């Protein structure tokens, strides 16, 4: 089930954020994510966040800022189980266009977004990490609107 994040979910969601970033971005020192952990934890309750939950609890989430996907994060044991796709589909249901950035070296995520209909619209460098990243976009078909 996908639902809006509640303040009580902050601890679990922030744990998934840290775990997923460490695992997906081995090319960035873990200390970068750890140093930003508290700030992210404080910002989560203020953001538009949707969680994916089953009987085992929250297993993933997506953060939106307007039409910008701040990130999709899924618990390690549940990756490649369709949760990310369901979260993307939810975003597509509530937005007519979406944008995001993904690190070039995060090939798994880039391939995922391409499979989900996103296209690379630009390439740049993340000022905080010095890593190359792709800006990607998706737009609903005109007939679907």
N, C-alpha and C. Protein backbone atom coordinates (compact mmCIF):
# COMPACT_ATOMS: atom_id res chain seq x y z
N UNK A 1 0.84 -1.18 0.00
CA UNK A 1 0.00 0.00 0.00
C UNK A 1 0.89 1.25 0.00
N UNK A 2 0.51 2.23 -0.77
CA UNK A 2 1.20 3.51 -0.79
C UNK A 2 0.33 4.54 -0.09
N UNK A 3 0.94 5.27 0.81
CA UNK A 3 0.23 6.31 1.54
C UNK A 3 1.18 7.46 1.86
N UNK A 4 0.61 8.58 2.24
CA UNK A 4 1.40 9.75 2.62
C UNK A 4 2.15 9.46 3.91
N UNK A 5 3.38 9.89 3.99
CA UNK A 5 4.19 9.69 5.19
C UNK A 5 3.59 10.48 6.36
N UNK A 6 3.63 9.88 7.54
CA UNK A 6 3.19 10.53 8.77
C UNK A 6 4.43 10.80 9.63
N UNK A 7 4.36 11.78 10.55
CA UNK A 7 5.53 12.08 11.39
C UNK A 7 6.10 10.85 12.10
N UNK A 8 5.26 9.93 12.50
CA UNK A 8 5.72 8.72 13.20
C UNK A 8 6.58 7.82 12.31
N UNK A 9 6.53 8.04 10.99
CA UNK A 9 7.30 7.22 10.04
C UNK A 9 8.73 7.72 9.84
N UNK A 10 9.04 8.88 10.38
CA UNK A 10 10.31 9.55 10.08
C UNK A 10 11.53 8.68 10.38
N UNK A 11 11.53 8.00 11.50
CA UNK A 11 12.71 7.19 11.88
C UNK A 11 12.96 6.09 10.84
N UNK A 12 11.92 5.34 10.50
CA UNK A 12 12.09 4.25 9.54
C UNK A 12 12.46 4.77 8.15
N UNK A 13 11.82 5.83 7.71
CA UNK A 13 12.10 6.39 6.39
C UNK A 13 13.54 6.90 6.32
N UNK A 14 14.00 7.57 7.37
CA UNK A 14 15.37 8.08 7.37
C UNK A 14 16.39 6.94 7.40
N UNK A 15 16.07 5.84 8.08
CA UNK A 15 16.96 4.67 8.08
C UNK A 15 17.08 4.09 6.67
N UNK A 16 15.95 4.00 5.96
CA UNK A 16 15.98 3.49 4.59
C UNK A 16 16.80 4.43 3.71
N UNK A 17 16.63 5.73 3.90
CA UNK A 17 17.39 6.72 3.12
C UNK A 17 18.89 6.50 3.27
N UNK A 18 19.35 6.37 4.51
CA UNK A 18 20.78 6.20 4.76
C UNK A 18 21.29 4.87 4.21
N UNK A 19 20.59 3.80 4.49
CA UNK A 19 20.98 2.46 4.01
C UNK A 19 21.05 2.42 2.48
N UNK A 20 20.03 2.93 1.83
CA UNK A 20 19.97 2.87 0.36
C UNK A 20 21.06 3.73 -0.27
N UNK A 21 21.32 4.89 0.28
CA UNK A 21 22.36 5.75 -0.28
C UNK A 21 23.74 5.13 -0.12
N UNK A 22 24.02 4.55 1.03
CA UNK A 22 25.32 3.90 1.23
C UNK A 22 25.51 2.76 0.22
N UNK A 23 24.46 1.96 0.03
CA UNK A 23 24.56 0.80 -0.85
C UNK A 23 24.60 1.17 -2.33
N UNK A 24 23.79 2.13 -2.74
CA UNK A 24 23.69 2.47 -4.17
C UNK A 24 24.82 3.37 -4.64
N UNK A 25 25.44 4.07 -3.71
CA UNK A 25 26.45 5.06 -4.09
C UNK A 25 27.80 4.75 -3.46
N UNK A 26 28.31 3.55 -3.71
CA UNK A 26 29.60 3.15 -3.17
C UNK A 26 30.75 4.02 -3.64
N UNK A 27 30.53 4.78 -4.69
CA UNK A 27 31.54 5.67 -5.25
C UNK A 27 31.62 7.01 -4.50
N UNK A 28 30.71 7.21 -3.54
CA UNK A 28 30.72 8.40 -2.69
C UNK A 28 31.00 7.93 -1.27
N UNK A 29 31.92 8.58 -0.56
CA UNK A 29 32.22 8.13 0.81
C UNK A 29 30.95 8.09 1.68
N UNK A 30 30.82 7.04 2.48
CA UNK A 30 29.66 6.88 3.37
C UNK A 30 29.52 8.09 4.30
N UNK A 31 30.64 8.72 4.62
CA UNK A 31 30.60 9.88 5.52
C UNK A 31 29.75 11.02 4.95
N UNK A 32 29.69 11.13 3.62
CA UNK A 32 28.85 12.18 3.00
C UNK A 32 27.40 11.99 3.39
N UNK A 33 26.90 10.75 3.31
CA UNK A 33 25.51 10.47 3.66
C UNK A 33 25.29 10.61 5.16
N UNK A 34 26.25 10.15 5.94
CA UNK A 34 26.14 10.23 7.39
C UNK A 34 26.11 11.68 7.87
N UNK A 35 26.90 12.53 7.23
CA UNK A 35 26.93 13.96 7.59
C UNK A 35 25.62 14.66 7.24
N UNK A 36 24.90 14.17 6.24
CA UNK A 36 23.63 14.79 5.83
C UNK A 36 22.41 14.13 6.48
N UNK A 37 22.63 13.05 7.21
CA UNK A 37 21.54 12.26 7.78
C UNK A 37 20.61 13.09 8.67
N UNK A 38 21.16 13.84 9.61
CA UNK A 38 20.31 14.59 10.54
C UNK A 38 19.48 15.64 9.82
N UNK A 39 20.08 16.34 8.85
CA UNK A 39 19.36 17.35 8.09
C UNK A 39 18.19 16.70 7.33
N UNK A 40 18.46 15.57 6.68
CA UNK A 40 17.40 14.88 5.94
C UNK A 40 16.29 14.44 6.88
N UNK A 41 16.68 13.91 8.03
CA UNK A 41 15.70 13.46 9.01
C UNK A 41 14.78 14.60 9.46
N UNK A 42 15.33 15.79 9.59
CA UNK A 42 14.54 16.96 10.00
C UNK A 42 13.66 17.46 8.86
N UNK A 43 14.09 17.30 7.63
CA UNK A 43 13.34 17.80 6.48
C UNK A 43 12.21 16.86 6.04
N UNK A 44 12.37 15.56 6.29
CA UNK A 44 11.38 14.58 5.81
C UNK A 44 9.94 14.91 6.22
N UNK A 45 9.67 15.24 7.48
CA UNK A 45 8.27 15.51 7.86
C UNK A 45 7.68 16.75 7.17
N UNK A 46 8.55 17.60 6.63
CA UNK A 46 8.09 18.83 5.97
C UNK A 46 7.88 18.63 4.48
N UNK A 47 8.32 17.49 3.97
CA UNK A 47 8.29 17.24 2.53
C UNK A 47 7.07 16.43 2.12
N UNK A 48 6.84 16.35 0.81
CA UNK A 48 5.79 15.50 0.25
C UNK A 48 6.41 14.12 0.02
N UNK A 49 6.14 13.22 0.94
CA UNK A 49 6.74 11.89 0.92
C UNK A 49 5.64 10.84 0.95
N UNK A 50 5.79 9.83 0.10
CA UNK A 50 4.85 8.71 0.06
C UNK A 50 5.61 7.44 0.40
N UNK A 51 5.05 6.65 1.29
CA UNK A 51 5.71 5.41 1.71
C UNK A 51 4.99 4.21 1.11
N UNK A 52 5.77 3.16 0.88
CA UNK A 52 5.23 1.86 0.45
C UNK A 52 5.34 0.97 1.67
N UNK A 53 4.20 0.42 2.06
CA UNK A 53 4.12 -0.33 3.31
C UNK A 53 3.38 -1.64 3.09
N UNK A 54 3.85 -2.68 3.77
CA UNK A 54 3.12 -3.95 3.81
C UNK A 54 3.04 -4.40 5.26
N UNK A 55 2.67 -5.64 5.50
CA UNK A 55 2.51 -6.11 6.88
C UNK A 55 3.83 -6.08 7.65
N UNK A 56 4.95 -6.04 6.94
CA UNK A 56 6.26 -5.97 7.58
C UNK A 56 6.70 -4.54 7.87
N UNK A 57 5.87 -3.57 7.53
CA UNK A 57 6.20 -2.17 7.77
C UNK A 57 6.59 -1.44 6.49
N UNK A 58 7.18 -0.28 6.67
CA UNK A 58 7.60 0.54 5.54
C UNK A 58 8.83 -0.08 4.90
N UNK A 59 8.75 -0.28 3.57
CA UNK A 59 9.85 -0.90 2.83
C UNK A 59 10.47 0.04 1.80
N UNK A 60 9.83 1.18 1.54
CA UNK A 60 10.36 2.12 0.57
C UNK A 60 9.59 3.42 0.61
N UNK A 61 10.14 4.42 -0.09
CA UNK A 61 9.45 5.72 -0.14
C UNK A 61 9.95 6.54 -1.32
N UNK A 62 9.16 7.53 -1.66
CA UNK A 62 9.53 8.50 -2.69
C UNK A 62 9.27 9.90 -2.12
N UNK A 63 10.20 10.81 -2.42
CA UNK A 63 10.04 12.20 -2.02
C UNK A 63 9.83 13.06 -3.25
N UNK A 64 8.82 13.92 -3.19
CA UNK A 64 8.51 14.82 -4.30
C UNK A 64 8.66 16.27 -3.86
N UNK A 65 9.12 17.10 -4.78
CA UNK A 65 9.19 18.54 -4.57
C UNK A 65 8.63 19.14 -5.85
N UNK A 66 7.32 19.38 -5.87
CA UNK A 66 6.66 19.77 -7.11
C UNK A 66 6.68 18.60 -8.06
N UNK A 67 7.24 18.81 -9.26
CA UNK A 67 7.34 17.70 -10.22
C UNK A 67 8.72 17.03 -10.18
N UNK A 68 9.52 17.39 -9.17
CA UNK A 68 10.88 16.84 -9.04
C UNK A 68 10.89 15.69 -8.04
N UNK A 69 11.36 14.53 -8.48
CA UNK A 69 11.52 13.38 -7.59
C UNK A 69 12.86 13.55 -6.88
N UNK A 70 12.80 13.80 -5.58
CA UNK A 70 14.03 13.95 -4.79
C UNK A 70 14.75 12.61 -4.67
N UNK A 71 13.98 11.53 -4.70
CA UNK A 71 14.60 10.21 -4.65
C UNK A 71 13.57 9.13 -4.39
N UNK A 72 13.89 7.95 -4.85
CA UNK A 72 13.11 6.75 -4.55
C UNK A 72 14.07 5.82 -3.83
N UNK A 73 13.67 5.36 -2.67
CA UNK A 73 14.53 4.54 -1.83
C UNK A 73 13.76 3.31 -1.38
N UNK A 74 14.40 2.15 -1.53
CA UNK A 74 13.78 0.89 -1.14
C UNK A 74 14.74 0.13 -0.24
N UNK A 75 14.20 -0.47 0.80
CA UNK A 75 14.99 -1.26 1.74
C UNK A 75 15.73 -2.36 0.98
N UNK A 76 16.99 -2.60 1.35
CA UNK A 76 17.86 -3.53 0.63
C UNK A 76 17.26 -4.89 0.38
N UNK A 77 16.60 -5.45 1.38
CA UNK A 77 16.04 -6.80 1.22
C UNK A 77 14.86 -6.84 0.27
N UNK A 78 14.31 -5.69 -0.08
CA UNK A 78 13.12 -5.65 -0.93
C UNK A 78 13.37 -5.03 -2.30
N UNK A 79 14.62 -4.70 -2.61
CA UNK A 79 14.93 -4.15 -3.94
C UNK A 79 14.66 -5.19 -5.01
N UNK A 80 14.29 -4.73 -6.17
CA UNK A 80 13.97 -5.56 -7.34
C UNK A 80 12.72 -6.40 -7.11
N UNK A 81 11.83 -5.92 -6.24
CA UNK A 81 10.57 -6.62 -5.97
C UNK A 81 9.37 -5.83 -6.48
N UNK A 82 9.62 -4.77 -7.26
CA UNK A 82 8.53 -3.99 -7.84
C UNK A 82 8.10 -2.78 -7.02
N UNK A 83 8.71 -2.56 -5.87
CA UNK A 83 8.31 -1.44 -5.01
C UNK A 83 8.66 -0.11 -5.68
N UNK A 84 9.85 0.00 -6.23
CA UNK A 84 10.25 1.23 -6.91
C UNK A 84 9.33 1.56 -8.07
N UNK A 85 8.97 0.55 -8.83
CA UNK A 85 8.06 0.75 -9.96
C UNK A 85 6.69 1.25 -9.46
N UNK A 86 6.20 0.68 -8.38
CA UNK A 86 4.91 1.12 -7.84
C UNK A 86 4.98 2.57 -7.36
N UNK A 87 6.10 2.95 -6.76
CA UNK A 87 6.27 4.33 -6.31
C UNK A 87 6.33 5.29 -7.50
N UNK A 88 7.05 4.90 -8.57
CA UNK A 88 7.09 5.73 -9.78
C UNK A 88 5.69 5.85 -10.39
N UNK A 89 4.98 4.73 -10.46
CA UNK A 89 3.63 4.75 -11.02
C UNK A 89 2.72 5.68 -10.21
N UNK A 90 2.88 5.68 -8.89
CA UNK A 90 2.09 6.58 -8.05
C UNK A 90 2.38 8.04 -8.41
N UNK A 91 3.66 8.36 -8.59
CA UNK A 91 4.04 9.72 -8.97
C UNK A 91 3.44 10.10 -10.32
N UNK A 92 3.44 9.15 -11.26
CA UNK A 92 2.88 9.41 -12.58
C UNK A 92 1.37 9.63 -12.51
N UNK A 93 0.72 9.03 -11.53
CA UNK A 93 -0.73 9.23 -11.38
C UNK A 93 -1.07 10.62 -10.85
N UNK A 94 -0.18 11.21 -10.07
CA UNK A 94 -0.48 12.49 -9.43
C UNK A 94 0.24 13.68 -10.08
N UNK A 95 1.09 13.40 -11.07
CA UNK A 95 1.79 14.46 -11.80
C UNK A 95 1.73 14.16 -13.29
N UNK A 96 1.70 15.22 -14.12
CA UNK A 96 1.68 15.01 -15.57
C UNK A 96 3.09 15.04 -16.15
N UNK A 97 4.05 15.50 -15.36
CA UNK A 97 5.45 15.44 -15.77
C UNK A 97 6.29 15.29 -14.51
N UNK A 98 7.45 14.67 -14.68
CA UNK A 98 8.36 14.42 -13.57
C UNK A 98 9.79 14.68 -14.02
N UNK A 99 10.61 15.11 -13.08
CA UNK A 99 12.04 15.32 -13.33
C UNK A 99 12.81 14.68 -12.18
N UNK A 100 14.07 14.36 -12.43
CA UNK A 100 14.93 13.84 -11.37
C UNK A 100 16.37 13.91 -11.83
N UNK A 101 17.28 13.66 -10.91
CA UNK A 101 18.70 13.53 -11.24
C UNK A 101 19.18 12.20 -10.68
N UNK A 102 20.08 11.58 -11.43
CA UNK A 102 20.65 10.29 -11.01
C UNK A 102 22.14 10.30 -11.38
N UNK A 103 22.95 9.78 -10.47
CA UNK A 103 24.38 9.72 -10.76
C UNK A 103 24.66 8.77 -11.92
N UNK A 104 25.56 9.18 -12.80
CA UNK A 104 25.96 8.36 -13.94
C UNK A 104 26.46 6.99 -13.47
N UNK A 105 27.20 6.97 -12.38
CA UNK A 105 27.77 5.72 -11.87
C UNK A 105 26.72 4.81 -11.21
N UNK A 106 25.56 5.34 -10.95
CA UNK A 106 24.48 4.52 -10.39
C UNK A 106 23.72 3.91 -11.57
N UNK A 107 24.38 3.03 -12.26
CA UNK A 107 23.85 2.46 -13.51
C UNK A 107 22.52 1.73 -13.29
N UNK A 108 22.38 1.07 -12.19
CA UNK A 108 21.14 0.34 -11.91
C UNK A 108 19.94 1.30 -11.85
N UNK A 109 20.12 2.43 -11.16
CA UNK A 109 19.03 3.40 -11.07
C UNK A 109 18.76 4.06 -12.42
N UNK A 110 19.82 4.43 -13.14
CA UNK A 110 19.64 5.06 -14.45
C UNK A 110 18.87 4.12 -15.38
N UNK A 111 19.24 2.84 -15.39
CA UNK A 111 18.55 1.87 -16.24
C UNK A 111 17.09 1.71 -15.80
N UNK A 112 16.84 1.73 -14.51
CA UNK A 112 15.47 1.64 -13.99
C UNK A 112 14.62 2.78 -14.54
N UNK A 113 15.11 4.01 -14.42
CA UNK A 113 14.32 5.16 -14.87
C UNK A 113 14.12 5.13 -16.39
N UNK A 114 15.12 4.71 -17.14
CA UNK A 114 14.95 4.59 -18.59
C UNK A 114 13.85 3.57 -18.91
N UNK A 115 13.84 2.44 -18.20
CA UNK A 115 12.78 1.43 -18.41
C UNK A 115 11.40 1.98 -18.06
N UNK A 116 11.36 2.91 -17.13
CA UNK A 116 10.09 3.48 -16.69
C UNK A 116 9.65 4.67 -17.54
N UNK A 117 10.33 4.90 -18.65
CA UNK A 117 9.88 5.92 -19.60
C UNK A 117 10.54 7.28 -19.45
N UNK A 118 11.51 7.41 -18.57
CA UNK A 118 12.24 8.67 -18.43
C UNK A 118 13.28 8.76 -19.54
N UNK A 119 13.63 10.00 -19.90
CA UNK A 119 14.67 10.23 -20.89
C UNK A 119 15.72 11.15 -20.29
N UNK A 120 16.96 10.95 -20.69
CA UNK A 120 18.03 11.84 -20.24
C UNK A 120 17.87 13.16 -20.98
N UNK A 121 17.77 14.25 -20.22
CA UNK A 121 17.57 15.57 -20.81
C UNK A 121 18.81 16.45 -20.70
N UNK A 122 19.70 16.11 -19.77
CA UNK A 122 20.93 16.89 -19.59
C UNK A 122 21.93 16.08 -18.78
N UNK A 123 23.18 16.50 -18.86
CA UNK A 123 24.24 15.89 -18.07
C UNK A 123 24.99 17.01 -17.37
N UNK A 124 25.33 16.80 -16.12
CA UNK A 124 26.04 17.83 -15.36
C UNK A 124 26.87 17.20 -14.27
N UNK A 125 27.35 18.04 -13.37
CA UNK A 125 28.16 17.59 -12.25
C UNK A 125 27.51 18.07 -10.96
N UNK A 126 27.30 17.16 -10.02
CA UNK A 126 26.77 17.50 -8.71
C UNK A 126 27.85 18.28 -7.95
N UNK A 127 27.55 19.52 -7.59
CA UNK A 127 28.54 20.37 -6.92
C UNK A 127 29.00 19.80 -5.59
N UNK A 128 28.10 19.12 -4.87
CA UNK A 128 28.44 18.60 -3.54
C UNK A 128 29.39 17.41 -3.59
N UNK A 129 29.25 16.56 -4.60
CA UNK A 129 30.04 15.32 -4.65
C UNK A 129 31.08 15.31 -5.77
N UNK A 130 30.93 16.18 -6.76
CA UNK A 130 31.83 16.18 -7.90
C UNK A 130 31.54 15.06 -8.89
N UNK A 131 30.43 14.36 -8.69
CA UNK A 131 30.06 13.22 -9.54
C UNK A 131 29.20 13.68 -10.72
N UNK A 132 29.40 13.04 -11.87
CA UNK A 132 28.57 13.29 -13.04
C UNK A 132 27.18 12.75 -12.78
N UNK A 133 26.18 13.53 -13.18
CA UNK A 133 24.79 13.08 -13.00
C UNK A 133 23.98 13.42 -14.25
N UNK A 134 22.95 12.61 -14.44
CA UNK A 134 22.01 12.85 -15.53
C UNK A 134 20.77 13.51 -14.96
N UNK A 135 20.26 14.49 -15.70
CA UNK A 135 18.92 14.99 -15.41
C UNK A 135 18.00 14.22 -16.34
N UNK A 136 16.92 13.71 -15.79
CA UNK A 136 15.99 12.90 -16.56
C UNK A 136 14.59 13.46 -16.42
N UNK A 137 13.77 13.20 -17.45
CA UNK A 137 12.40 13.71 -17.40
C UNK A 137 11.42 12.72 -17.99
N UNK A 138 10.18 12.85 -17.56
CA UNK A 138 9.07 12.04 -18.05
C UNK A 138 7.88 12.96 -18.21
N UNK A 139 7.10 12.74 -19.24
CA UNK A 139 5.88 13.51 -19.46
C UNK A 139 4.78 12.56 -19.90
N UNK A 140 3.59 12.76 -19.32
CA UNK A 140 2.45 11.92 -19.68
C UNK A 140 2.08 12.17 -21.15
N UNK A 141 1.61 11.14 -21.80
CA UNK A 141 1.15 11.28 -23.18
C UNK A 141 -0.03 12.24 -23.22
N UNK A 142 -0.10 13.04 -24.25
CA UNK A 142 -1.16 14.05 -24.37
C UNK A 142 -2.55 13.44 -24.27
N UNK A 143 -2.75 12.26 -24.83
CA UNK A 143 -4.05 11.61 -24.81
C UNK A 143 -4.45 11.16 -23.42
N UNK A 144 -3.46 10.93 -22.56
CA UNK A 144 -3.73 10.44 -21.21
C UNK A 144 -4.16 11.54 -20.27
N UNK A 145 -3.94 12.79 -20.63
CA UNK A 145 -4.26 13.91 -19.74
C UNK A 145 -5.69 14.26 -19.71
